[in-house]
Amino acid sequence: MSIDHLISLLALCIPLILSVTGAAIRICSKLEKISVALGSMTTKSECAVNRMDCPALQKKSFNRQRSRSAASRSPASAARRSNSTARR
């Protein structure tokens, strides 16, 4: 194998190795971000306990009444009501 062949082989392999290495580094950093996000998530039982302890959610009936009345006054619900009425 001559020196020219060896140099051309290295010239082909080095960019390939660098691009594969760069892709592997990007994949590893994204996997690390995903694992950090998954580690900070709460379980369903922890979420239920937090909801029970939340003072803003203690008055459930008030929140339901408020959301229903707010929804009935929204422009989207008014448009649905006008579309559902029969036109003559």
PDB file of N, CA and C in Angstrom:
ATOM      1  N   MET A   1       0.843  -1.172   0.000  1.00  0.00           N
ATOM      2  CA  MET A   1       0.000   0.000   0.000  1.00  0.00           C
ATOM      3  C   MET A   1       0.889   1.236   0.000  1.00  0.00           C
ATOM      4  N   SER A   2       0.657   2.090  -0.926  1.00  0.00           N
ATOM      5  CA  SER A   2       1.522   3.257  -1.051  1.00  0.00           C
ATOM      6  C   SER A   2       1.059   4.373  -0.113  1.00  0.00           C
ATOM      7  N   ILE A   3       1.900   5.342   0.020  1.00  0.00           N
ATOM      8  CA  ILE A   3       1.624   6.486   0.881  1.00  0.00           C
ATOM      9  C   ILE A   3       0.428   7.277   0.338  1.00  0.00           C
ATOM     10  N   ASP A   4       0.312   7.365  -0.987  1.00  0.00           N
ATOM     11  CA  ASP A   4      -0.806   8.105  -1.585  1.00  0.00           C
ATOM     12  C   ASP A   4      -2.151   7.465  -1.235  1.00  0.00           C
ATOM     13  N   HIS A   5      -2.183   6.140  -1.304  1.00  0.00           N
ATOM     14  CA  HIS A   5      -3.414   5.434  -0.952  1.00  0.00           C
ATOM     15  C   HIS A   5      -3.760   5.616   0.535  1.00  0.00           C
ATOM     16  N   LEU A   6      -2.752   5.568   1.352  1.00  0.00           N
ATOM     17  CA  LEU A   6      -2.968   5.735   2.785  1.00  0.00           C
ATOM     18  C   LEU A   6      -3.487   7.136   3.113  1.00  0.00           C
ATOM     19  N   ILE A   7      -2.936   8.148   2.482  1.00  0.00           N
ATOM     20  CA  ILE A   7      -3.378   9.524   2.708  1.00  0.00           C
ATOM     21  C   ILE A   7      -4.811   9.723   2.213  1.00  0.00           C
ATOM     22  N   SER A   8      -5.147   9.162   1.070  1.00  0.00           N
ATOM     23  CA  SER A   8      -6.512   9.305   0.553  1.00  0.00           C
ATOM     24  C   SER A   8      -7.512   8.553   1.435  1.00  0.00           C
ATOM     25  N   LEU A   9      -7.087   7.410   1.964  1.00  0.00           N
ATOM     26  CA  LEU A   9      -7.962   6.670   2.878  1.00  0.00           C
ATOM     27  C   LEU A   9      -8.208   7.456   4.152  1.00  0.00           C
ATOM     28  N   LEU A  10      -7.182   8.060   4.689  1.00  0.00           N
ATOM     29  CA  LEU A  10      -7.340   8.892   5.876  1.00  0.00           C
ATOM     30  C   LEU A  10      -8.195  10.120   5.576  1.00  0.00           C
ATOM     31  N   ALA A  11      -8.031  10.683   4.389  1.00  0.00           N
ATOM     32  CA  ALA A  11      -8.813  11.861   4.008  1.00  0.00           C
ATOM     33  C   ALA A  11     -10.300  11.526   3.917  1.00  0.00           C
ATOM     34  N   LEU A  12     -10.632  10.286   3.581  1.00  0.00           N
ATOM     35  CA  LEU A  12     -12.026   9.868   3.525  1.00  0.00           C
ATOM     36  C   LEU A  12     -12.569   9.481   4.902  1.00  0.00           C
ATOM     37  N   CYS A  13     -11.746   8.861   5.704  1.00  0.00           N
ATOM     38  CA  CYS A  13     -12.216   8.332   6.983  1.00  0.00           C
ATOM     39  C   CYS A  13     -12.354   9.399   8.060  1.00  0.00           C
ATOM     40  N   ILE A  14     -11.486  10.369   8.098  1.00  0.00           N
ATOM     41  CA  ILE A  14     -11.507  11.357   9.171  1.00  0.00           C
ATOM     42  C   ILE A  14     -12.805  12.170   9.181  1.00  0.00           C
ATOM     43  N   PRO A  15     -13.295  12.700   8.050  1.00  0.00           N
ATOM     44  CA  PRO A  15     -14.581  13.418   8.113  1.00  0.00           C
ATOM     45  C   PRO A  15     -15.743  12.507   8.530  1.00  0.00           C
ATOM     46  N   LEU A  16     -15.719  11.270   8.104  1.00  0.00           N
ATOM     47  CA  LEU A  16     -16.756  10.329   8.485  1.00  0.00           C
ATOM     48  C   LEU A  16     -16.737  10.080   9.988  1.00  0.00           C
ATOM     49  N   ILE A  17     -15.568   9.882  10.527  1.00  0.00           N
ATOM     50  CA  ILE A  17     -15.423   9.647  11.972  1.00  0.00           C
ATOM     51  C   ILE A  17     -15.874  10.880  12.756  1.00  0.00           C
ATOM     52  N   LEU A  18     -15.511  12.067  12.271  1.00  0.00           N
ATOM     53  CA  LEU A  18     -15.905  13.295  12.963  1.00  0.00           C
ATOM     54  C   LEU A  18     -17.416  13.508  12.922  1.00  0.00           C
ATOM     55  N   SER A  19     -18.046  13.207  11.791  1.00  0.00           N
ATOM     56  CA  SER A  19     -19.490  13.402  11.717  1.00  0.00           C
ATOM     57  C   SER A  19     -20.231  12.397  12.586  1.00  0.00           C
ATOM     58  N   VAL A  20     -19.769  11.152  12.625  1.00  0.00           N
ATOM     59  CA  VAL A  20     -20.403  10.149  13.483  1.00  0.00           C
ATOM     60  C   VAL A  20     -20.215  10.505  14.948  1.00  0.00           C
ATOM     61  N   THR A  21     -19.045  10.985  15.289  1.00  0.00           N
ATOM     62  CA  THR A  21     -18.783  11.390  16.669  1.00  0.00           C
ATOM     63  C   THR A  21     -19.652  12.580  17.062  1.00  0.00           C
ATOM     64  N   GLY A  22     -19.796  13.547  16.169  1.00  0.00           N
ATOM     65  CA  GLY A  22     -20.649  14.702  16.450  1.00  0.00           C
ATOM     66  C   GLY A  22     -22.107  14.302  16.627  1.00  0.00           C
ATOM     67  N   ALA A  23     -22.588  13.383  15.793  1.00  0.00           N
ATOM     68  CA  ALA A  23     -23.969  12.909  15.922  1.00  0.00           C
ATOM     69  C   ALA A  23     -24.162  12.176  17.241  1.00  0.00           C
ATOM     70  N   ALA A  24     -23.181  11.370  17.625  1.00  0.00           N
ATOM     71  CA  ALA A  24     -23.281  10.640  18.890  1.00  0.00           C
ATOM     72  C   ALA A  24     -23.311  11.605  20.071  1.00  0.00           C
ATOM     73  N   ILE A  25     -22.543  12.654  20.001  1.00  0.00           N
ATOM     74  CA  ILE A  25     -22.527  13.646  21.089  1.00  0.00           C
ATOM     75  C   ILE A  25     -23.870  14.357  21.178  1.00  0.00           C
ATOM     76  N   ARG A  26     -24.460  14.713  20.032  1.00  0.00           N
ATOM     77  CA  ARG A  26     -25.772  15.375  20.035  1.00  0.00           C
ATOM     78  C   ARG A  26     -26.853  14.450  20.595  1.00  0.00           C
ATOM     79  N   ILE A  27     -26.802  13.185  20.198  1.00  0.00           N
ATOM     80  CA  ILE A  27     -27.790  12.220  20.701  1.00  0.00           C
ATOM     81  C   ILE A  27     -27.650  12.049  22.205  1.00  0.00           C
ATOM     82  N   CYS A  28     -26.436  11.957  22.687  1.00  0.00           N
ATOM     83  CA  CYS A  28     -26.219  11.785  24.131  1.00  0.00           C
ATOM     84  C   CYS A  28     -26.703  13.004  24.916  1.00  0.00           C
ATOM     85  N   SER A  29     -26.484  14.188  24.390  1.00  0.00           N
ATOM     86  CA  SER A  29     -26.944  15.380  25.115  1.00  0.00           C
ATOM     87  C   SER A  29     -28.462  15.435  25.145  1.00  0.00           C
ATOM     88  N   LYS A  30     -29.129  15.035  24.061  1.00  0.00           N
ATOM     89  CA  LYS A  30     -30.588  15.021  24.067  1.00  0.00           C
ATOM     90  C   LYS A  30     -31.121  13.959  25.017  1.00  0.00           C
ATOM     91  N   LEU A  31     -30.481  12.804  25.060  1.00  0.00           N
ATOM     92  CA  LEU A  31     -30.895  11.765  26.001  1.00  0.00           C
ATOM     93  C   LEU A  31     -30.711  12.215  27.439  1.00  0.00           C
ATOM     94  N   GLU A  32     -29.660  12.967  27.692  1.00  0.00           N
ATOM     95  CA  GLU A  32     -29.436  13.489  29.043  1.00  0.00           C
ATOM     96  C   GLU A  32     -30.538  14.472  29.428  1.00  0.00           C
ATOM     97  N   LYS A  33     -30.944  15.342  28.496  1.00  0.00           N
ATOM     98  CA  LYS A  33     -32.030  16.287  28.773  1.00  0.00           C
ATOM     99  C   LYS A  33     -33.331  15.551  29.038  1.00  0.00           C
ATOM    100  N   ILE A  34     -33.593  14.496  28.273  1.00  0.00           N
ATOM    101  CA  ILE A  34     -34.815  13.719  28.469  1.00  0.00           C
ATOM    102  C   ILE A  34     -34.810  13.040  29.825  1.00  0.00           C
ATOM    103  N   SER A  35     -33.675  12.485  30.220  1.00  0.00           N
ATOM    104  CA  SER A  35     -33.616  11.803  31.509  1.00  0.00           C
ATOM    105  C   SER A  35     -33.779  12.784  32.665  1.00  0.00           C
ATOM    106  N   VAL A  36     -33.265  14.000  32.519  1.00  0.00           N
ATOM    107  CA  VAL A  36     -33.446  15.016  33.558  1.00  0.00           C
ATOM    108  C   VAL A  36     -34.920  15.401  33.648  1.00  0.00           C
ATOM    109  N   ALA A  37     -35.582  15.550  32.500  1.00  0.00           N
ATOM    110  CA  ALA A  37     -37.002  15.902  32.505  1.00  0.00           C
ATOM    111  C   ALA A  37     -37.832  14.789  33.115  1.00  0.00           C
ATOM    112  N   LEU A  38     -37.517  13.547  32.798  1.00  0.00           N
ATOM    113  CA  LEU A  38     -38.253  12.427  33.373  1.00  0.00           C
ATOM    114  C   LEU A  38     -38.005  12.303  34.871  1.00  0.00           C
ATOM    115  N   GLY A  39     -36.826  12.636  35.296  1.00  0.00           N
ATOM    116  CA  GLY A  39     -36.511  12.570  36.720  1.00  0.00           C
ATOM    117  C   GLY A  39     -37.241  13.622  37.529  1.00  0.00           C
ATOM    118  N   SER A  40     -37.551  14.757  36.901  1.00  0.00           N
ATOM    119  CA  SER A  40     -38.232  15.820  37.639  1.00  0.00           C
ATOM    120  C   SER A  40     -39.745  15.680  37.602  1.00  0.00           C
ATOM    121  N   MET A  41     -40.274  14.733  36.858  1.00  0.00           N
ATOM    122  CA  MET A  41     -41.727  14.548  36.794  1.00  0.00           C
ATOM    123  C   MET A  41     -42.232  13.902  38.079  1.00  0.00           C
ATOM    124  N   THR A  42     -43.454  14.246  38.445  1.00  0.00           N
ATOM    125  CA  THR A  42     -44.050  13.657  39.634  1.00  0.00           C
ATOM    126  C   THR A  42     -44.890  12.453  39.243  1.00  0.00           C
ATOM    127  N   THR A  43     -45.055  11.550  40.172  1.00  0.00           N
ATOM    128  CA  THR A  43     -45.894  10.388  39.918  1.00  0.00           C
ATOM    129  C   THR A  43     -47.360  10.776  40.094  1.00  0.00           C
ATOM    130  N   LYS A  44     -48.266   9.886  39.707  1.00  0.00           N
ATOM    131  CA  LYS A  44     -49.695  10.178  39.835  1.00  0.00           C
ATOM    132  C   LYS A  44     -50.099  10.352  41.293  1.00  0.00           C
ATOM    133  N   SER A  45     -49.523   9.545  42.177  1.00  0.00           N
ATOM    134  CA  SER A  45     -49.886   9.666  43.592  1.00  0.00           C
ATOM    135  C   SER A  45     -49.378  10.983  44.173  1.00  0.00           C
ATOM    136  N   GLU A  46     -48.168  11.403  43.796  1.00  0.00           N
ATOM    137  CA  GLU A  46     -47.653  12.690  44.262  1.00  0.00           C
ATOM    138  C   GLU A  46     -48.508  13.841  43.731  1.00  0.00           C
ATOM    139  N   CYS A  47     -48.962  13.720  42.489  1.00  0.00           N
ATOM    140  CA  CYS A  47     -49.807  14.752  41.902  1.00  0.00           C
ATOM    141  C   CYS A  47     -51.153  14.826  42.632  1.00  0.00           C
ATOM    142  N   ALA A  48     -51.721  13.665  42.981  1.00  0.00           N
ATOM    143  CA  ALA A  48     -52.996  13.650  43.701  1.00  0.00           C
ATOM    144  C   ALA A  48     -52.849  14.290  45.076  1.00  0.00           C
ATOM    145  N   VAL A  49     -51.745  14.022  45.765  1.00  0.00           N
ATOM    146  CA  VAL A  49     -51.514  14.628  47.080  1.00  0.00           C
ATOM    147  C   VAL A  49     -51.359  16.133  46.945  1.00  0.00           C
ATOM    148  N   ASN A  50     -50.646  16.576  45.922  1.00  0.00           N
ATOM    149  CA  ASN A  50     -50.471  18.019  45.707  1.00  0.00           C
ATOM    150  C   ASN A  50     -51.798  18.695  45.405  1.00  0.00           C
ATOM    151  N   ARG A  51     -52.663  18.039  44.660  1.00  0.00           N
ATOM    152  CA  ARG A  51     -53.978  18.614  44.356  1.00  0.00           C
ATOM    153  C   ARG A  51     -54.833  18.710  45.608  1.00  0.00           C
ATOM    154  N   MET A  52     -54.758  17.705  46.459  1.00  0.00           N
ATOM    155  CA  MET A  52     -55.564  17.736  47.680  1.00  0.00           C
ATOM    156  C   MET A  52     -55.086  18.839  48.624  1.00  0.00           C
ATOM    157  N   ASP A  53     -53.789  19.127  48.617  1.00  0.00           N
ATOM    158  CA  ASP A  53     -53.241  20.138  49.507  1.00  0.00           C
ATOM    159  C   ASP A  53     -53.321  21.550  48.940  1.00  0.00           C
ATOM    160  N   CYS A  54     -53.695  21.693  47.699  1.00  0.00           N
ATOM    161  CA  CYS A  54     -53.704  23.009  47.049  1.00  0.00           C
ATOM    162  C   CYS A  54     -54.919  23.818  47.517  1.00  0.00           C
ATOM    163  N   PRO A  55     -54.708  24.998  48.113  1.00  0.00           N
ATOM    164  CA  PRO A  55     -55.840  25.783  48.603  1.00  0.00           C
ATOM    165  C   PRO A  55     -56.708  26.335  47.468  1.00  0.00           C
ATOM    166  N   ALA A  56     -56.152  26.530  46.293  1.00  0.00           N
ATOM    167  CA  ALA A  56     -56.943  27.062  45.178  1.00  0.00           C
ATOM    168  C   ALA A  56     -57.940  26.042  44.664  1.00  0.00           C
ATOM    169  N   LEU A  57     -57.677  24.766  44.897  1.00  0.00           N
ATOM    170  CA  LEU A  57     -58.576  23.720  44.413  1.00  0.00           C
ATOM    171  C   LEU A  57     -59.505  23.195  45.502  1.00  0.00           C
ATOM    172  N   GLN A  58     -59.503  23.801  46.669  1.00  0.00           N
ATOM    173  CA  GLN A  58     -60.354  23.330  47.752  1.00  0.00           C
ATOM    174  C   GLN A  58     -61.827  23.587  47.460  1.00  0.00           C
ATOM    175  N   LYS A  59     -62.149  24.682  46.779  1.00  0.00           N
ATOM    176  CA  LYS A  59     -63.535  25.033  46.485  1.00  0.00           C
ATOM    177  C   LYS A  59     -63.879  24.532  45.085  1.00  0.00           C
ATOM    178  N   LYS A  60     -64.119  23.238  44.970  1.00  0.00           N
ATOM    179  CA  LYS A  60     -64.342  22.641  43.655  1.00  0.00           C
ATOM    180  C   LYS A  60     -65.660  23.096  43.044  1.00  0.00           C
ATOM    181  N   SER A  61     -66.728  23.193  43.824  1.00  0.00           N
ATOM    182  CA  SER A  61     -68.024  23.559  43.255  1.00  0.00           C
ATOM    183  C   SER A  61     -67.990  24.992  42.725  1.00  0.00           C
ATOM    184  N   PHE A  62     -67.271  25.879  43.399  1.00  0.00           N
ATOM    185  CA  PHE A  62     -67.154  27.259  42.935  1.00  0.00           C
ATOM    186  C   PHE A  62     -66.442  27.294  41.584  1.00  0.00           C
ATOM    187  N   ASN A  63     -65.380  26.509  41.440  1.00  0.00           N
ATOM    188  CA  ASN A  63     -64.634  26.496  40.186  1.00  0.00           C
ATOM    189  C   ASN A  63     -65.492  25.946  39.050  1.00  0.00           C
ATOM    190  N   ARG A  64     -66.302  24.921  39.313  1.00  0.00           N
ATOM    191  CA  ARG A  64     -67.141  24.356  38.265  1.00  0.00           C
ATOM    192  C   ARG A  64     -68.192  25.367  37.807  1.00  0.00           C
ATOM    193  N   GLN A  65     -68.839  26.034  38.783  1.00  0.00           N
ATOM    194  CA  GLN A  65     -69.862  27.005  38.411  1.00  0.00           C
ATOM    195  C   GLN A  65     -69.256  28.159  37.623  1.00  0.00           C
ATOM    196  N   ARG A  66     -68.106  28.562  38.028  1.00  0.00           N
ATOM    197  CA  ARG A  66     -67.460  29.676  37.348  1.00  0.00           C
ATOM    198  C   ARG A  66     -67.075  29.280  35.932  1.00  0.00           C
ATOM    199  N   SER A  67     -66.542  28.085  35.754  1.00  0.00           N
ATOM    200  CA  SER A  67     -66.105  27.691  34.424  1.00  0.00           C
ATOM    201  C   SER A  67     -67.298  27.503  33.499  1.00  0.00           C
ATOM    202  N   ARG A  68     -68.426  26.995  34.020  1.00  0.00           N
ATOM    203  CA  ARG A  68     -69.605  26.819  33.164  1.00  0.00           C
ATOM    204  C   ARG A  68     -70.160  28.171  32.729  1.00  0.00           C
ATOM    205  N   SER A  69     -70.257  29.108  33.672  1.00  0.00           N
ATOM    206  CA  SER A  69     -70.813  30.411  33.304  1.00  0.00           C
ATOM    207  C   SER A  69     -69.866  31.154  32.370  1.00  0.00           C
ATOM    208  N   ALA A  70     -68.563  31.010  32.596  1.00  0.00           N
ATOM    209  CA  ALA A  70     -67.602  31.669  31.717  1.00  0.00           C
ATOM    210  C   ALA A  70     -67.655  31.058  30.325  1.00  0.00           C
ATOM    211  N   ALA A  71     -67.854  29.756  30.246  1.00  0.00           N
ATOM    212  CA  ALA A  71     -67.913  29.096  28.944  1.00  0.00           C
ATOM    213  C   ALA A  71     -69.174  29.475  28.191  1.00  0.00           C
ATOM    214  N   SER A  72     -70.276  29.689  28.911  1.00  0.00           N
ATOM    215  CA  SER A  72     -71.523  30.020  28.217  1.00  0.00           C
ATOM    216  C   SER A  72     -71.501  31.432  27.655  1.00  0.00           C
ATOM    217  N   ARG A  73     -70.627  32.285  28.182  1.00  0.00           N
ATOM    218  CA  ARG A  73     -70.537  33.654  27.684  1.00  0.00           C
ATOM    219  C   ARG A  73     -69.426  33.838  26.658  1.00  0.00           C
ATOM    220  N   SER A  74     -68.740  32.784  26.300  1.00  0.00           N
ATOM    221  CA  SER A  74     -67.621  32.928  25.378  1.00  0.00           C
ATOM    222  C   SER A  74     -68.129  33.134  23.955  1.00  0.00           C
ATOM    223  N   PRO A  75     -67.359  33.793  23.109  1.00  0.00           N
ATOM    224  CA  PRO A  75     -67.772  34.012  21.717  1.00  0.00           C
ATOM    225  C   PRO A  75     -67.947  32.699  20.947  1.00  0.00           C
ATOM    226  N   ALA A  76     -67.148  31.710  21.284  1.00  0.00           N
ATOM    227  CA  ALA A  76     -67.262  30.430  20.575  1.00  0.00           C
ATOM    228  C   ALA A  76     -68.585  29.761  20.890  1.00  0.00           C
ATOM    229  N   SER A  77     -69.019  29.786  22.153  1.00  0.00           N
ATOM    230  CA  SER A  77     -70.292  29.157  22.488  1.00  0.00           C
ATOM    231  C   SER A  77     -71.458  29.953  21.909  1.00  0.00           C
ATOM    232  N   ALA A  78     -71.337  31.266  21.842  1.00  0.00           N
ATOM    233  CA  ALA A  78     -72.389  32.069  21.224  1.00  0.00           C
ATOM    234  C   ALA A  78     -72.502  31.737  19.737  1.00  0.00           C
ATOM    235  N   ALA A  79     -71.369  31.522  19.087  1.00  0.00           N
ATOM    236  CA  ALA A  79     -71.393  31.159  17.666  1.00  0.00           C
ATOM    237  C   ALA A  79     -72.027  29.788  17.474  1.00  0.00           C
ATOM    238  N   ARG A  80     -71.737  28.858  18.383  1.00  0.00           N
ATOM    239  CA  ARG A  80     -72.340  27.525  18.281  1.00  0.00           C
ATOM    240  C   ARG A  80     -73.853  27.615  18.478  1.00  0.00           C
ATOM    241  N   ARG A  81     -74.291  28.460  19.425  1.00  0.00           N
ATOM    242  CA  ARG A  81     -75.728  28.595  19.653  1.00  0.00           C
ATOM    243  C   ARG A  81     -76.419  29.193  18.443  1.00  0.00           C
ATOM    244  N   SER A  82     -75.794  30.176  17.816  1.00  0.00           N
ATOM    245  CA  SER A  82     -76.432  30.806  16.657  1.00  0.00           C
ATOM    246  C   SER A  82     -76.438  29.863  15.462  1.00  0.00           C
ATOM    247  N   ASN A  83     -75.434  29.013  15.340  1.00  0.00           N
ATOM    248  CA  ASN A  83     -75.383  28.050  14.237  1.00  0.00           C
ATOM    249  C   ASN A  83     -76.369  26.920  14.440  1.00  0.00           C
ATOM    250  N   SER A  84     -76.671  26.587  15.689  1.00  0.00           N
ATOM    251  CA  SER A  84     -77.552  25.460  15.947  1.00  0.00           C
ATOM    252  C   SER A  84     -79.021  25.824  15.826  1.00  0.00           C
ATOM    253  N   THR A  85     -79.348  27.109  15.861  1.00  0.00           N
ATOM    254  CA  THR A  85     -80.751  27.501  15.714  1.00  0.00           C
ATOM    255  C   THR A  85     -81.173  27.371  14.262  1.00  0.00           C
ATOM    256  N   ALA A  86     -82.412  26.960  14.061  1.00  0.00           N
ATOM    257  CA  ALA A  86     -82.902  26.747  12.699  1.00  0.00           C
ATOM    258  C   ALA A  86     -83.188  28.088  12.037  1.00  0.00           C
ATOM    259  N   ARG A  87     -82.752  28.223  10.809  1.00  0.00           N
ATOM    260  CA  ARG A  87     -82.993  29.458  10.054  1.00  0.00           C
ATOM    261  C   ARG A  87     -84.190  29.251   9.141  1.00  0.00           C
ATOM    262  N   ARG A  88     -84.997  30.283   9.015  1.00  0.00           N
ATOM    263  CA  ARG A  88     -86.207  30.173   8.158  1.00  0.00           C
ATOM    264  C   ARG A  88     -86.106  31.060   6.970  1.00  0.00           C
TER     265      ARG A  88
END
